[in-house]
Amino acid sequence: MKRMLSVFGVLTLLMLSAAACAKAPQDEVNAAQADMDKARAAQAEVWAPTEYKAADEALSAANAEIEAQNQKWMKNYDKAKELLARSREEAAKASQAAAANKEQARKDAEAALQTADSAIQAAEAAWKVAPRTKDSKADLELYKGDLETLKGALETARQAFASEDYKKALESATSVNDQATSIATKLEDAKQKVAGRPVPKK
């Protein structure tokens, strides 16, 4: 009986010693950090902010847990390893989502630029055939100036697109399209009015 207790005591001491000498999961930390670097390279902070935040928070929590365990005599890094695994999983999701979201934003912005360009052309065409009367002269000059301003705004949107700032390009192009369409509609309404035809209700 004494011998069994002695063996049990030795085993207990060995287990305690092993726990006390447990090493921080540095390899796992490095791997998680590498995955976060990949996510940042994919601009996940911009294109997949939810997934990126989840990965970053898990990594921060893992580092805090490792630091807390480092201060203990009896160390256990299981929770830290779980958090690191979660961080890697979320970082991978962030990288994938960022690539997909960025590509969709590129397509949306490209389509918006084309639509805005067509809207400006339509407005210019409407301006050219708009009735020239004493009362409309001032308005037509204002519209002409507005269209020139919209052309400049569209060029700025194209520059944003070239710089891969697709969100800004989409927002600017959409605004240009809305304003150009409004001008074309007003010009068409004025034409209908001069021709003596009823103006369509909006």
Protein backbone atom coordinates (compact mmCIF):
# COMPACT_ATOMS: atom_id res chain seq x y z
CA MET A 1 0.00 0.00 0.00
CA LYS A 2 2.79 2.35 0.89
CA ARG A 3 4.51 1.49 -2.33
CA MET A 4 1.40 2.35 -4.34
CA LEU A 5 1.06 5.67 -2.55
CA SER A 6 4.68 6.37 -3.22
CA VAL A 7 4.26 5.67 -6.93
CA PHE A 8 1.12 7.80 -7.02
CA GLY A 9 2.98 10.62 -5.33
CA VAL A 10 5.80 10.43 -7.83
CA LEU A 11 3.35 10.48 -10.73
CA THR A 12 1.55 13.44 -9.22
CA LEU A 13 4.80 15.31 -8.84
CA LEU A 14 5.72 14.53 -12.43
CA MET A 15 2.37 15.80 -13.66
CA LEU A 16 2.67 18.96 -11.61
CA SER A 17 6.19 19.46 -12.85
CA ALA A 18 5.07 19.03 -16.44
CA ALA A 19 2.27 21.56 -15.95
CA ALA A 20 4.66 23.99 -14.36
CA CYS A 21 7.09 23.60 -17.25
CA ALA A 22 4.42 23.83 -19.97
CA LYS A 23 5.57 26.06 -22.79
CA ALA A 24 3.56 28.78 -24.45
CA PRO A 25 2.22 27.75 -27.90
CA GLN A 26 4.55 30.02 -29.82
CA ASP A 27 4.27 28.06 -33.06
CA GLU A 28 0.50 28.43 -32.97
CA VAL A 29 0.86 32.14 -32.24
CA ASN A 30 3.17 32.56 -35.23
CA ALA A 31 0.76 30.68 -37.48
CA ALA A 32 -2.20 32.77 -36.35
CA GLN A 33 -0.23 35.97 -36.86
CA ALA A 34 0.75 34.84 -40.36
CA ASP A 35 -2.91 34.26 -41.21
CA MET A 36 -3.77 37.72 -39.89
CA ASP A 37 -1.04 39.19 -42.09
CA LYS A 38 -2.60 37.45 -45.10
CA ALA A 39 -5.99 38.88 -44.18
CA ARG A 40 -4.52 42.37 -43.95
CA ALA A 41 -2.81 41.90 -47.31
CA ALA A 42 -6.22 41.02 -48.76
CA GLN A 43 -7.56 44.30 -47.28
CA ALA A 44 -9.95 42.37 -45.08
CA GLU A 45 -10.25 45.37 -42.75
CA VAL A 46 -12.01 47.17 -45.62
CA TRP A 47 -13.75 44.39 -47.54
CA ALA A 48 -14.56 41.89 -44.76
CA PRO A 49 -14.56 43.93 -41.52
CA THR A 50 -16.81 41.56 -39.55
CA GLU A 51 -14.67 38.50 -40.19
CA TYR A 52 -11.46 40.45 -39.70
CA LYS A 53 -12.63 41.83 -36.36
CA ALA A 54 -13.55 38.34 -35.15
CA ALA A 55 -10.08 37.04 -36.07
CA ASP A 56 -8.32 39.99 -34.47
CA GLU A 57 -10.32 39.74 -31.25
CA ALA A 58 -9.63 36.00 -30.97
CA LEU A 59 -5.90 36.58 -31.45
CA SER A 60 -5.87 39.36 -28.86
CA ALA A 61 -7.75 37.15 -26.41
CA ALA A 62 -5.28 34.32 -27.04
CA ASN A 63 -2.31 36.57 -26.37
CA ALA A 64 -3.93 37.83 -23.17
CA GLU A 65 -4.60 34.27 -22.06
CA ILE A 66 -1.00 33.26 -22.78
CA GLU A 67 0.27 36.20 -20.77
CA ALA A 68 -2.02 35.26 -17.89
CA GLN A 69 -0.80 31.66 -17.92
CA ASN A 70 2.82 32.78 -18.07
CA GLN A 71 2.35 34.39 -14.67
CA LYS A 72 1.14 31.14 -13.11
CA TRP A 73 3.18 28.30 -11.68
CA MET A 74 0.63 25.76 -12.95
CA LYS A 75 0.30 26.66 -16.61
CA ASN A 76 -2.41 25.47 -18.99
CA TYR A 77 -2.48 26.82 -22.51
CA ASP A 78 -5.46 24.81 -23.78
CA LYS A 79 -7.79 27.81 -23.86
CA ALA A 80 -5.15 29.89 -25.64
CA LYS A 81 -4.75 27.18 -28.26
CA GLU A 82 -8.50 27.12 -28.83
CA LEU A 83 -8.53 30.88 -29.29
CA LEU A 84 -5.60 30.71 -31.69
CA ALA A 85 -7.37 28.06 -33.74
CA ARG A 86 -10.47 30.25 -33.83
CA SER A 87 -8.39 33.24 -34.92
CA ARG A 88 -6.87 31.27 -37.79
CA GLU A 89 -10.31 30.07 -38.89
CA GLU A 90 -11.76 33.59 -38.85
CA ALA A 91 -8.69 35.03 -40.58
CA ALA A 92 -9.09 32.50 -43.40
CA LYS A 93 -12.75 33.47 -43.70
CA ALA A 94 -11.77 37.12 -43.76
CA SER A 95 -9.28 36.60 -46.59
CA GLN A 96 -11.82 34.69 -48.68
CA ALA A 97 -14.65 37.13 -48.00
CA ALA A 98 -12.44 40.12 -48.74
CA ALA A 99 -11.48 38.75 -52.15
CA ALA A 100 -15.10 37.99 -53.05
CA ASN A 101 -16.47 41.30 -51.74
CA LYS A 102 -13.78 43.34 -53.44
CA GLU A 103 -14.44 41.66 -56.79
CA GLN A 104 -18.18 42.28 -56.46
CA ALA A 105 -17.52 45.91 -55.56
CA ARG A 106 -15.31 46.23 -58.66
CA LYS A 107 -18.08 44.89 -60.88
CA ASP A 108 -20.69 47.16 -59.26
CA ALA A 109 -18.48 50.22 -59.61
CA GLU A 110 -17.64 49.41 -63.23
CA ALA A 111 -21.33 49.07 -64.09
CA ALA A 112 -22.14 52.31 -62.26
CA LEU A 113 -19.47 54.18 -64.21
CA GLN A 114 -20.90 52.99 -67.50
CA THR A 115 -24.42 53.90 -66.42
CA ALA A 116 -23.31 57.36 -65.31
CA ASP A 117 -21.50 57.95 -68.59
CA SER A 118 -24.63 57.00 -70.53
CA ALA A 119 -26.73 59.28 -68.35
CA ILE A 120 -24.46 62.24 -69.07
CA GLN A 121 -24.58 61.53 -72.81
CA ALA A 122 -28.37 61.34 -72.67
CA ALA A 123 -28.55 64.63 -70.77
CA GLU A 124 -26.22 66.31 -73.28
CA ALA A 125 -28.33 65.04 -76.15
CA ALA A 126 -31.45 66.40 -74.46
CA TRP A 127 -29.70 69.74 -73.90
CA LYS A 128 -28.81 70.06 -77.59
CA VAL A 129 -32.41 69.69 -78.73
CA ALA A 130 -33.97 71.62 -75.85
CA PRO A 131 -36.18 74.55 -76.93
CA ARG A 132 -34.31 77.84 -76.97
CA THR A 133 -36.60 80.54 -75.70
CA LYS A 134 -36.13 83.79 -73.86
CA ASP A 135 -37.26 82.18 -70.63
CA SER A 136 -35.22 78.97 -71.01
CA LYS A 137 -31.88 80.54 -71.92
CA ALA A 138 -30.68 81.04 -68.34
CA ASP A 139 -31.78 77.56 -67.28
CA LEU A 140 -30.01 75.97 -70.23
CA GLU A 141 -26.77 77.72 -69.34
CA LEU A 142 -27.07 76.43 -65.78
CA TYR A 143 -27.68 72.90 -67.03
CA LYS A 144 -24.67 73.17 -69.32
CA GLY A 145 -22.50 74.15 -66.38
CA ASP A 146 -23.96 71.35 -64.27
CA LEU A 147 -23.16 68.81 -66.95
CA GLU A 148 -19.56 69.98 -67.14
CA THR A 149 -19.32 69.61 -63.37
CA LEU A 150 -20.76 66.11 -63.60
CA LYS A 151 -18.18 65.19 -66.25
CA GLY A 152 -15.47 66.22 -63.81
CA ALA A 153 -17.10 64.22 -61.02
CA LEU A 154 -17.27 61.18 -63.31
CA GLU A 155 -13.57 61.51 -64.10
CA THR A 156 -12.84 61.62 -60.37
CA ALA A 157 -14.89 58.45 -59.96
CA ARG A 158 -12.86 56.79 -62.71
CA GLN A 159 -9.65 57.74 -60.91
CA ALA A 160 -10.99 56.22 -57.71
CA PHE A 161 -11.79 53.05 -59.64
CA ALA A 162 -8.27 52.93 -61.05
CA SER A 163 -6.94 53.23 -57.50
CA GLU A 164 -9.18 50.30 -56.47
CA ASP A 165 -11.26 52.55 -54.25
CA TYR A 166 -14.38 50.87 -55.56
CA LYS A 167 -16.65 52.11 -52.79
CA LYS A 168 -15.88 55.74 -53.58
CA ALA A 169 -16.13 55.09 -57.32
CA LEU A 170 -19.57 53.47 -56.89
CA GLU A 171 -20.86 56.24 -54.65
CA SER A 172 -19.62 59.01 -56.96
CA ALA A 173 -20.83 57.35 -60.14
CA THR A 174 -24.26 56.74 -58.64
CA SER A 175 -24.53 60.38 -57.65
CA VAL A 176 -23.50 61.50 -61.15
CA ASN A 177 -26.05 59.19 -62.71
CA ASP A 178 -28.86 60.48 -60.50
CA GLN A 179 -28.06 64.12 -61.22
CA ALA A 180 -27.59 63.63 -64.97
CA THR A 181 -30.84 61.69 -65.18
CA SER A 182 -32.61 64.48 -63.31
CA ILE A 183 -31.28 67.08 -65.77
CA ALA A 184 -32.34 64.99 -68.77
CA THR A 185 -35.83 64.58 -67.28
CA LYS A 186 -36.21 68.32 -66.68
CA LEU A 187 -35.08 69.09 -70.22
CA GLU A 188 -37.53 66.58 -71.64
CA ASP A 189 -40.32 68.03 -69.51
CA ALA A 190 -39.49 71.52 -70.82
CA LYS A 191 -39.56 70.22 -74.40
CA GLN A 192 -42.97 68.61 -73.85
CA LYS A 193 -44.29 71.81 -72.32
CA VAL A 194 -43.20 73.97 -75.25
CA ALA A 195 -44.72 71.45 -77.65
CA GLY A 196 -48.01 71.79 -75.82
CA ARG A 197 -48.05 68.21 -74.61
CA PRO A 198 -48.81 67.33 -70.98
CA VAL A 199 -45.77 66.72 -68.79
CA PRO A 200 -45.76 63.16 -67.37
CA LYS A 201 -46.44 63.07 -63.64
CA LYS A 202 -43.54 61.81 -61.51
